[in-house]
């Protein structure tokens, strides 16, 4: 759960920035006539969530709670099972197995979180249309998946593993020492 917590803290901040600045920034500036994304969001009174403007910190908090809950209930358990369906963790090189877990996690979490985002940030003022929601969801998956895959694989997960190892170095060392001392059953 600590590993998931560290991952989600970093990931949510990255995705909120990516979503507000890269995906929606141009639209926000066009709607408000502002020349900067942050000025546009401030002029709108915040980021529209269910049609109500909320501050950016609230968006981060909402997405953190949702992502952390989903990561622990859905993402981590299923990604490990999917990786184990294709690779044996006892015989597969750790880097390859970790890459399989990361890839499976992105494949699970990206569409789910994009669907949640499509609901949260839908333009409810224009009325609700399920086809528009599905199109928004597909658009978000197309934008988010490459970003999620490459940031998780090359930046976020290596950084989180380094932090995790630093935080739990003594415990990991004693665990590895105890494993070496135990006799292997034939």
C-alpha atoms as a PDB file:
ATOM      1  CA  UNK A   1       0.000   0.000   0.000  1.00  0.00           C
ATOM      2  CA  UNK A   2       2.967   2.313   0.602  1.00  0.00           C
ATOM      3  CA  UNK A   3       4.269   1.611  -2.883  1.00  0.00           C
ATOM      4  CA  UNK A   4       0.824   2.382  -4.354  1.00  0.00           C
ATOM      5  CA  UNK A   5       0.581   5.551  -2.239  1.00  0.00           C
ATOM      6  CA  UNK A   6       3.915   6.905  -3.502  1.00  0.00           C
ATOM      7  CA  UNK A   7       3.042   5.953  -7.090  1.00  0.00           C
ATOM      8  CA  UNK A   8      -0.396   7.578  -6.980  1.00  0.00           C
ATOM      9  CA  UNK A   9       0.887  10.799  -5.354  1.00  0.00           C
ATOM     10  CA  UNK A  10       3.350  11.286  -8.217  1.00  0.00           C
ATOM     11  CA  UNK A  11       1.039  10.008 -10.941  1.00  0.00           C
ATOM     12  CA  UNK A  12      -1.988  12.130 -10.023  1.00  0.00           C
ATOM     13  CA  UNK A  13       0.052  15.336 -10.013  1.00  0.00           C
ATOM     14  CA  UNK A  14       1.553  14.433 -13.402  1.00  0.00           C
ATOM     15  CA  UNK A  15      -1.842  13.605 -14.910  1.00  0.00           C
ATOM     16  CA  UNK A  16      -3.617  16.661 -13.548  1.00  0.00           C
ATOM     17  CA  UNK A  17      -0.878  18.839 -15.015  1.00  0.00           C
ATOM     18  CA  UNK A  18      -0.987  16.901 -18.305  1.00  0.00           C
ATOM     19  CA  UNK A  19      -4.783  17.048 -18.488  1.00  0.00           C
ATOM     20  CA  UNK A  20      -5.134  20.727 -17.602  1.00  0.00           C
ATOM     21  CA  UNK A  21      -2.209  22.057 -19.605  1.00  0.00           C
ATOM     22  CA  UNK A  22      -1.724  19.697 -22.544  1.00  0.00           C
ATOM     23  CA  UNK A  23      -5.181  18.257 -23.256  1.00  0.00           C
ATOM     24  CA  UNK A  24      -7.518  21.067 -22.142  1.00  0.00           C
ATOM     25  CA  UNK A  25      -5.255  24.107 -21.806  1.00  0.00           C
ATOM     26  CA  UNK A  26      -5.922  25.477 -25.279  1.00  0.00           C
ATOM     27  CA  UNK A  27      -9.671  25.131 -24.821  1.00  0.00           C
ATOM     28  CA  UNK A  28      -9.566  26.891 -21.427  1.00  0.00           C
ATOM     29  CA  UNK A  29      -7.579  29.801 -22.890  1.00  0.00           C
ATOM     30  CA  UNK A  30      -9.897  30.028 -25.905  1.00  0.00           C
ATOM     31  CA  UNK A  31     -13.020  30.054 -23.700  1.00  0.00           C
ATOM     32  CA  UNK A  32     -11.730  32.780 -21.407  1.00  0.00           C
ATOM     33  CA  UNK A  33      -9.520  34.824 -23.736  1.00  0.00           C
ATOM     34  CA  UNK A  34      -6.583  34.452 -21.346  1.00  0.00           C
ATOM     35  CA  UNK A  35      -3.041  33.850 -22.574  1.00  0.00           C
ATOM     36  CA  UNK A  36      -2.096  31.362 -19.845  1.00  0.00           C
ATOM     37  CA  UNK A  37      -3.750  28.147 -18.677  1.00  0.00           C
ATOM     38  CA  UNK A  38      -3.594  28.979 -14.975  1.00  0.00           C
ATOM     39  CA  UNK A  39      -5.070  32.448 -15.612  1.00  0.00           C
ATOM     40  CA  UNK A  40      -7.847  30.824 -17.666  1.00  0.00           C
ATOM     41  CA  UNK A  41      -8.638  28.316 -14.899  1.00  0.00           C
ATOM     42  CA  UNK A  42      -8.693  31.130 -12.321  1.00  0.00           C
ATOM     43  CA  UNK A  43     -10.975  33.210 -14.554  1.00  0.00           C
ATOM     44  CA  UNK A  44     -13.364  30.224 -14.853  1.00  0.00           C
ATOM     45  CA  UNK A  45     -13.400  29.957 -11.053  1.00  0.00           C
ATOM     46  CA  UNK A  46     -11.635  26.598 -11.143  1.00  0.00           C
ATOM     47  CA  UNK A  47     -11.790  23.349 -13.057  1.00  0.00           C
ATOM     48  CA  UNK A  48     -15.345  22.208 -13.892  1.00  0.00           C
ATOM     49  CA  UNK A  49     -16.091  18.946 -12.027  1.00  0.00           C
ATOM     50  CA  UNK A  50     -19.657  17.702 -12.589  1.00  0.00           C
ATOM     51  CA  UNK A  51     -20.297  21.163 -14.021  1.00  0.00           C
ATOM     52  CA  UNK A  52     -19.190  22.998 -10.844  1.00  0.00           C
ATOM     53  CA  UNK A  53     -15.872  24.880 -10.762  1.00  0.00           C
ATOM     54  CA  UNK A  54     -13.492  23.553  -8.100  1.00  0.00           C
ATOM     55  CA  UNK A  55      -9.907  24.605  -7.283  1.00  0.00           C
ATOM     56  CA  UNK A  56      -7.027  22.613  -8.744  1.00  0.00           C
ATOM     57  CA  UNK A  57      -6.081  21.237  -5.314  1.00  0.00           C
ATOM     58  CA  UNK A  58      -9.578  19.723  -5.071  1.00  0.00           C
ATOM     59  CA  UNK A  59      -9.129  18.068  -8.484  1.00  0.00           C
ATOM     60  CA  UNK A  60      -5.841  16.569  -7.263  1.00  0.00           C
ATOM     61  CA  UNK A  61      -7.517  15.343  -4.057  1.00  0.00           C
ATOM     62  CA  UNK A  62     -10.526  13.841  -5.881  1.00  0.00           C
ATOM     63  CA  UNK A  63      -8.330  12.070  -8.421  1.00  0.00           C
ATOM     64  CA  UNK A  64      -5.930  10.870  -5.707  1.00  0.00           C
ATOM     65  CA  UNK A  65      -8.718   9.228  -3.688  1.00  0.00           C
ATOM     66  CA  UNK A  66     -10.192   7.589  -6.790  1.00  0.00           C
ATOM     67  CA  UNK A  67      -6.835   6.452  -8.214  1.00  0.00           C
ATOM     68  CA  UNK A  68      -5.495   5.135  -4.883  1.00  0.00           C
ATOM     69  CA  UNK A  69      -8.692   3.188  -4.233  1.00  0.00           C
ATOM     70  CA  UNK A  70      -8.767   1.732  -7.744  1.00  0.00           C
ATOM     71  CA  UNK A  71      -5.044   0.947  -7.702  1.00  0.00           C
ATOM     72  CA  UNK A  72      -5.405  -1.093  -4.511  1.00  0.00           C
ATOM     73  CA  UNK A  73      -8.692  -2.786  -5.409  1.00  0.00           C
ATOM     74  CA  UNK A  74      -8.252  -3.319  -9.131  1.00  0.00           C
ATOM     75  CA  UNK A  75      -4.930  -2.222 -10.653  1.00  0.00           C
ATOM     76  CA  UNK A  76      -2.328  -3.955  -8.482  1.00  0.00           C
ATOM     77  CA  UNK A  77      -4.081  -7.299  -7.952  1.00  0.00           C
ATOM     78  CA  UNK A  78      -5.143  -7.719 -11.585  1.00  0.00           C
ATOM     79  CA  UNK A  79      -1.864  -6.541 -13.087  1.00  0.00           C
ATOM     80  CA  UNK A  80       0.087  -9.061 -11.013  1.00  0.00           C
ATOM     81  CA  UNK A  81      -2.310 -11.838 -12.085  1.00  0.00           C
ATOM     82  CA  UNK A  82      -2.039 -10.807 -15.760  1.00  0.00           C
ATOM     83  CA  UNK A  83       1.752 -10.730 -15.540  1.00  0.00           C
ATOM     84  CA  UNK A  84       1.782 -14.170 -13.892  1.00  0.00           C
ATOM     85  CA  UNK A  85      -0.423 -15.553 -16.680  1.00  0.00           C
ATOM     86  CA  UNK A  86       2.388 -14.819 -19.153  1.00  0.00           C
ATOM     87  CA  UNK A  87       5.540 -15.037 -17.030  1.00  0.00           C
ATOM     88  CA  UNK A  88       6.689 -17.128 -14.079  1.00  0.00           C
ATOM     89  CA  UNK A  89       8.033 -14.660 -11.475  1.00  0.00           C
ATOM     90  CA  UNK A  90      10.482 -17.302 -10.168  1.00  0.00           C
ATOM     91  CA  UNK A  91      12.202 -17.806 -13.523  1.00  0.00           C
ATOM     92  CA  UNK A  92      11.614 -14.538 -15.391  1.00  0.00           C
ATOM     93  CA  UNK A  93      14.213 -11.791 -15.111  1.00  0.00           C
ATOM     94  CA  UNK A  94      12.912  -9.192 -12.580  1.00  0.00           C
ATOM     95  CA  UNK A  95      13.123  -6.304 -15.058  1.00  0.00           C
ATOM     96  CA  UNK A  96      10.984  -8.172 -17.582  1.00  0.00           C
ATOM     97  CA  UNK A  97       8.466  -9.189 -14.919  1.00  0.00           C
ATOM     98  CA  UNK A  98       8.265  -5.630 -13.522  1.00  0.00           C
ATOM     99  CA  UNK A  99       7.767  -4.320 -17.077  1.00  0.00           C
ATOM    100  CA  UNK A 100       4.895  -6.782 -17.554  1.00  0.00           C
ATOM    101  CA  UNK A 101       3.289  -5.596 -14.299  1.00  0.00           C
ATOM    102  CA  UNK A 102       3.694  -1.924 -15.252  1.00  0.00           C
ATOM    103  CA  UNK A 103       2.240  -2.549 -18.718  1.00  0.00           C
ATOM    104  CA  UNK A 104      -0.717  -4.461 -17.295  1.00  0.00           C
ATOM    105  CA  UNK A 105      -1.340  -1.752 -14.694  1.00  0.00           C
ATOM    106  CA  UNK A 106      -1.416   0.941 -17.384  1.00  0.00           C
ATOM    107  CA  UNK A 107      -3.695  -1.230 -19.538  1.00  0.00           C
ATOM    108  CA  UNK A 108      -6.135  -1.509 -16.616  1.00  0.00           C
ATOM    109  CA  UNK A 109      -5.894   1.880 -14.939  1.00  0.00           C
ATOM    110  CA  UNK A 110      -5.755   4.144 -18.009  1.00  0.00           C
ATOM    111  CA  UNK A 111      -9.168   3.205 -19.462  1.00  0.00           C
ATOM    112  CA  UNK A 112     -10.808   3.099 -16.024  1.00  0.00           C
ATOM    113  CA  UNK A 113      -9.448   6.463 -14.859  1.00  0.00           C
ATOM    114  CA  UNK A 114     -10.169   7.973 -18.284  1.00  0.00           C
ATOM    115  CA  UNK A 115     -13.801   6.846 -17.967  1.00  0.00           C
ATOM    116  CA  UNK A 116     -14.022   8.416 -14.523  1.00  0.00           C
ATOM    117  CA  UNK A 117     -12.452  11.609 -15.883  1.00  0.00           C
ATOM    118  CA  UNK A 118     -14.937  11.623 -18.773  1.00  0.00           C
ATOM    119  CA  UNK A 119     -17.769  11.625 -16.203  1.00  0.00           C
ATOM    120  CA  UNK A 120     -16.114  14.146 -13.875  1.00  0.00           C
ATOM    121  CA  UNK A 121     -15.198  16.705 -16.534  1.00  0.00           C
ATOM    122  CA  UNK A 122     -18.124  16.215 -18.913  1.00  0.00           C
ATOM    123  CA  UNK A 123     -19.749  19.437 -20.142  1.00  0.00           C
ATOM    124  CA  UNK A 124     -23.029  18.936 -18.283  1.00  0.00           C
ATOM    125  CA  UNK A 125     -24.121  22.506 -19.127  1.00  0.00           C
ATOM    126  CA  UNK A 126     -24.683  21.420 -22.742  1.00  0.00           C
ATOM    127  CA  UNK A 127     -26.882  18.491 -21.668  1.00  0.00           C
ATOM    128  CA  UNK A 128     -25.912  14.837 -21.317  1.00  0.00           C
ATOM    129  CA  UNK A 129     -25.421  12.527 -24.295  1.00  0.00           C
ATOM    130  CA  UNK A 130     -24.031   9.016 -23.804  1.00  0.00           C
ATOM    131  CA  UNK A 131     -22.385   9.036 -27.243  1.00  0.00           C
ATOM    132  CA  UNK A 132     -20.582  12.290 -26.444  1.00  0.00           C
ATOM    133  CA  UNK A 133     -19.434  10.774 -23.149  1.00  0.00           C
ATOM    134  CA  UNK A 134     -18.131   7.665 -24.931  1.00  0.00           C
ATOM    135  CA  UNK A 135     -16.367   9.821 -27.540  1.00  0.00           C
ATOM    136  CA  UNK A 136     -14.800  11.901 -24.734  1.00  0.00           C
ATOM    137  CA  UNK A 137     -13.714   8.679 -22.999  1.00  0.00           C
ATOM    138  CA  UNK A 138     -12.124   7.314 -26.180  1.00  0.00           C
ATOM    139  CA  UNK A 139     -10.368  10.641 -26.774  1.00  0.00           C
ATOM    140  CA  UNK A 140      -9.014  10.612 -23.204  1.00  0.00           C
ATOM    141  CA  UNK A 141      -7.762   7.037 -23.552  1.00  0.00           C
ATOM    142  CA  UNK A 142      -6.010   7.978 -26.801  1.00  0.00           C
ATOM    143  CA  UNK A 143      -4.356  10.982 -25.144  1.00  0.00           C
ATOM    144  CA  UNK A 144      -3.609   9.324 -21.800  1.00  0.00           C
ATOM    145  CA  UNK A 145      -2.411   5.855 -22.782  1.00  0.00           C
ATOM    146  CA  UNK A 146       0.881   6.834 -24.461  1.00  0.00           C
ATOM    147  CA  UNK A 147       1.598   9.344 -21.691  1.00  0.00           C
ATOM    148  CA  UNK A 148       0.739   6.781 -18.998  1.00  0.00           C
ATOM    149  CA  UNK A 149       2.764   3.994 -20.559  1.00  0.00           C
ATOM    150  CA  UNK A 150       5.957   5.924 -21.140  1.00  0.00           C
ATOM    151  CA  UNK A 151       5.924   7.947 -17.903  1.00  0.00           C
ATOM    152  CA  UNK A 152       5.178   4.864 -15.797  1.00  0.00           C
ATOM    153  CA  UNK A 153       7.708   2.649 -17.547  1.00  0.00           C
ATOM    154  CA  UNK A 154      10.617   5.075 -17.804  1.00  0.00           C
ATOM    155  CA  UNK A 155      10.156   7.688 -15.074  1.00  0.00           C
ATOM    156  CA  UNK A 156       7.568   7.135 -12.368  1.00  0.00           C
ATOM    157  CA  UNK A 157       8.052   3.437 -11.561  1.00  0.00           C
ATOM    158  CA  UNK A 158      11.881   3.530 -11.568  1.00  0.00           C
ATOM    159  CA  UNK A 159      11.741   6.595  -9.287  1.00  0.00           C
ATOM    160  CA  UNK A 160       9.156   5.003  -6.973  1.00  0.00           C
ATOM    161  CA  UNK A 161      11.196   1.780  -6.763  1.00  0.00           C
ATOM    162  CA  UNK A 162      14.275   3.822  -5.819  1.00  0.00           C
ATOM    163  CA  UNK A 163      12.358   5.733  -3.125  1.00  0.00           C
ATOM    164  CA  UNK A 164      10.740   2.527  -1.860  1.00  0.00           C
ATOM    165  CA  UNK A 165      14.099   0.759  -1.627  1.00  0.00           C
ATOM    166  CA  UNK A 166      15.581   3.735   0.236  1.00  0.00           C
ATOM    167  CA  UNK A 167      12.667   3.847   2.690  1.00  0.00           C
ATOM    168  CA  UNK A 168      12.720   0.121   3.384  1.00  0.00           C
ATOM    169  CA  UNK A 169      16.406  -0.721   2.820  1.00  0.00           C
ATOM    170  CA  UNK A 170      16.938  -2.261   6.267  1.00  0.00           C
ATOM    171  CA  UNK A 171      13.755  -4.326   6.104  1.00  0.00           C
ATOM    172  CA  UNK A 172      14.533  -5.538   2.564  1.00  0.00           C
ATOM    173  CA  UNK A 173      18.107  -6.428   3.543  1.00  0.00           C
ATOM    174  CA  UNK A 174      16.983  -8.423   6.603  1.00  0.00           C
ATOM    175  CA  UNK A 175      14.271 -10.149   4.533  1.00  0.00           C
ATOM    176  CA  UNK A 176      16.808 -11.162   1.857  1.00  0.00           C
ATOM    177  CA  UNK A 177      19.260 -12.361   4.527  1.00  0.00           C
ATOM    178  CA  UNK A 178      16.540 -14.503   6.161  1.00  0.00           C
ATOM    179  CA  UNK A 179      15.643 -16.037   2.777  1.00  0.00           C
ATOM    180  CA  UNK A 180      19.254 -17.044   2.179  1.00  0.00           C
ATOM    181  CA  UNK A 181      19.493 -18.731   5.604  1.00  0.00           C
ATOM    182  CA  UNK A 182      16.336 -20.834   5.195  1.00  0.00           C
ATOM    183  CA  UNK A 183      16.966 -24.282   3.706  1.00  0.00           C
ATOM    184  CA  UNK A 184      15.301 -24.997   0.381  1.00  0.00           C
ATOM    185  CA  UNK A 185      12.795 -27.880   0.480  1.00  0.00           C
ATOM    186  CA  UNK A 186      13.410 -30.599  -2.076  1.00  0.00           C
END
